[in-house]
Amino acid sequence: MQLFFKRLDAEKLEKAKRNTSRIRDHLANERTYLAWMRTAIALMGFGVVIVRLRAVQSPLSTTPGNGWKLGLVFSMVGLLTVLFSTQHYFASRHQIDEDTYEPADRWVLAFSLAVALLGAGVIYFFFTVPLNPLSGVVFE
């Protein structure tokens, strides 16, 4: 009888350890999701800033320029980040519950490549666009 209770206590202890680990995994998943949301908001905000900086041109300029395209791409990547990170959050949540979680390397690589290309686009754009002497933006 005493052996039965020791076994029962050991099973409860093991279940409690698994439960604590599972809770920790879910909380980590939520923190990761929130980090992706902050990144998405920053990308969309940066897109708006790029568009607004290009809008600060002299009244003599009749063309809107190409800055809005780069800003639009940033905003779209931010929006896609929201959608993909939400999908990844729920997929990870399901995998944690089923104890079948595997890290998704492809999304990390895809997002890193997208941010690298956007960064290259920003560098190219800001260093190839001629400065307008009548513009309110002054680079020193």
Protein backbone atom coordinates (compact mmCIF):
# COMPACT_ATOMS: atom_id res chain seq x y z
CA MET A 1 0.00 0.00 0.00
CA GLN A 2 2.81 2.39 0.87
CA LEU A 3 4.47 1.65 -2.49
CA PHE A 4 1.23 2.61 -4.24
CA PHE A 5 1.16 6.03 -2.53
CA LYS A 6 4.84 6.66 -3.33
CA ARG A 7 4.16 5.87 -6.98
CA LEU A 8 1.09 8.12 -6.97
CA ASP A 9 3.11 10.98 -5.42
CA ALA A 10 5.86 10.49 -8.01
CA GLU A 11 3.29 10.66 -10.83
CA LYS A 12 1.80 13.87 -9.39
CA LEU A 13 5.26 15.40 -9.09
CA GLU A 14 6.12 14.46 -12.68
CA LYS A 15 2.82 15.88 -13.93
CA ALA A 16 3.41 19.12 -12.01
CA LYS A 17 6.89 19.43 -13.57
CA ARG A 18 5.48 18.90 -17.06
CA ASN A 19 2.72 21.42 -16.37
CA THR A 20 5.23 24.05 -15.17
CA SER A 21 7.34 23.48 -18.24
CA ARG A 22 4.29 23.75 -20.50
CA ILE A 23 3.24 27.01 -18.85
CA ARG A 24 6.75 28.38 -19.29
CA ASP A 25 6.66 27.38 -22.97
CA HIS A 26 3.33 29.12 -23.52
CA LEU A 27 4.55 32.28 -21.81
CA ALA A 28 7.69 32.27 -23.97
CA ASN A 29 5.49 31.85 -27.05
CA GLU A 30 3.43 34.88 -26.01
CA ARG A 31 6.56 36.98 -25.41
CA THR A 32 7.83 36.02 -28.85
CA TYR A 33 4.49 36.96 -30.39
CA LEU A 34 4.56 40.36 -28.69
CA ALA A 35 8.12 40.95 -29.92
CA TRP A 36 6.96 40.23 -33.49
CA MET A 37 4.08 42.68 -32.98
CA ARG A 38 6.48 45.41 -31.85
CA THR A 39 8.63 44.70 -34.90
CA ALA A 40 5.61 44.91 -37.20
CA ILE A 41 4.52 48.22 -35.68
CA ALA A 42 8.05 49.60 -36.08
CA LEU A 43 8.17 48.53 -39.73
CA MET A 44 4.81 50.15 -40.47
CA GLY A 45 5.84 53.29 -38.60
CA PHE A 46 9.12 53.47 -40.47
CA GLY A 47 7.19 53.19 -43.73
CA VAL A 48 5.04 56.15 -42.74
CA VAL A 49 8.14 58.17 -41.77
CA ILE A 50 9.74 57.49 -45.15
CA VAL A 51 6.61 58.62 -46.97
CA ARG A 52 6.34 61.74 -44.82
CA LEU A 53 10.01 62.67 -45.33
CA ARG A 54 9.57 62.48 -49.08
CA ALA A 55 6.47 64.67 -48.80
CA VAL A 56 8.66 67.45 -47.34
CA GLN A 57 9.80 68.78 -50.70
CA SER A 58 9.86 72.20 -52.18
CA PRO A 59 6.64 73.59 -53.63
CA LEU A 60 8.44 73.88 -56.98
CA SER A 61 8.71 70.09 -57.28
CA THR A 62 5.76 68.75 -59.25
CA THR A 63 6.59 65.05 -58.92
CA PRO A 64 5.88 63.12 -55.73
CA GLY A 65 9.13 61.15 -56.07
CA ASN A 66 9.61 57.47 -55.36
CA GLY A 67 9.81 57.57 -51.57
CA TRP A 68 6.21 56.50 -51.22
CA LYS A 69 7.04 53.17 -52.88
CA LEU A 70 9.70 52.34 -50.32
CA GLY A 71 7.39 53.45 -47.50
CA LEU A 72 4.61 51.29 -48.92
CA VAL A 73 6.92 48.26 -49.03
CA PHE A 74 7.90 48.80 -45.39
CA SER A 75 4.27 49.09 -44.37
CA MET A 76 3.30 45.97 -46.33
CA VAL A 77 6.14 43.95 -44.78
CA GLY A 78 4.94 45.17 -41.37
CA LEU A 79 1.41 44.05 -42.17
CA LEU A 80 2.63 40.66 -43.40
CA THR A 81 4.63 40.33 -40.19
CA VAL A 82 1.42 40.76 -38.20
CA LEU A 83 -0.33 38.07 -40.21
CA PHE A 84 2.53 35.55 -40.23
CA SER A 85 3.39 36.04 -36.57
CA THR A 86 -0.24 35.53 -35.55
CA GLN A 87 -0.40 32.33 -37.59
CA HIS A 88 2.93 31.17 -36.12
CA TYR A 89 1.75 31.93 -32.57
CA PHE A 90 -1.32 29.71 -32.91
CA ALA A 91 0.62 26.94 -34.68
CA SER A 92 3.25 26.99 -31.92
CA ARG A 93 0.55 27.00 -29.27
CA HIS A 94 -1.02 23.91 -30.79
CA GLN A 95 2.38 22.20 -31.11
CA ILE A 96 3.22 22.95 -27.48
CA ASP A 97 -0.10 21.46 -26.38
CA GLU A 98 0.51 18.37 -28.51
CA ASP A 99 4.18 18.17 -27.43
CA THR A 100 5.31 18.19 -31.07
CA TYR A 101 6.96 21.63 -31.25
CA GLU A 102 9.71 22.12 -33.80
CA PRO A 103 11.35 25.52 -34.37
CA ALA A 104 10.50 27.16 -37.69
CA ASP A 105 13.82 28.17 -39.24
CA ARG A 106 12.32 29.15 -42.58
CA TRP A 107 10.37 32.09 -41.13
CA VAL A 108 13.42 33.45 -39.35
CA LEU A 109 15.44 33.23 -42.58
CA ALA A 110 12.64 34.74 -44.69
CA PHE A 111 12.11 37.64 -42.30
CA SER A 112 15.86 38.29 -41.99
CA LEU A 113 16.15 38.39 -45.77
CA ALA A 114 13.18 40.77 -46.05
CA VAL A 115 14.61 43.16 -43.47
CA ALA A 116 18.05 43.02 -45.11
CA LEU A 117 16.53 43.86 -48.50
CA LEU A 118 14.50 46.70 -46.99
CA GLY A 119 17.62 48.05 -45.29
CA ALA A 120 19.51 47.90 -48.58
CA GLY A 121 16.59 49.70 -50.24
CA VAL A 122 16.71 52.46 -47.66
CA ILE A 123 20.46 52.89 -48.02
CA TYR A 124 20.23 52.92 -51.81
CA PHE A 125 17.27 55.29 -51.82
CA PHE A 126 18.70 57.85 -49.43
CA PHE A 127 22.11 57.92 -51.07
CA THR A 128 20.91 58.08 -54.69
CA VAL A 129 18.09 60.60 -54.40
CA PRO A 130 19.48 64.05 -55.21
CA LEU A 131 19.11 66.57 -52.45
CA ASN A 132 16.89 69.51 -53.30
CA PRO A 133 18.42 72.76 -51.99
CA LEU A 134 14.92 74.19 -51.43
CA SER A 135 13.82 71.21 -49.35
CA GLY A 136 13.15 71.66 -45.66
CA VAL A 137 15.19 68.55 -44.82
CA VAL A 138 18.87 69.32 -44.25
CA PHE A 139 21.49 66.58 -44.06
CA GLU A 140 24.82 67.52 -42.49
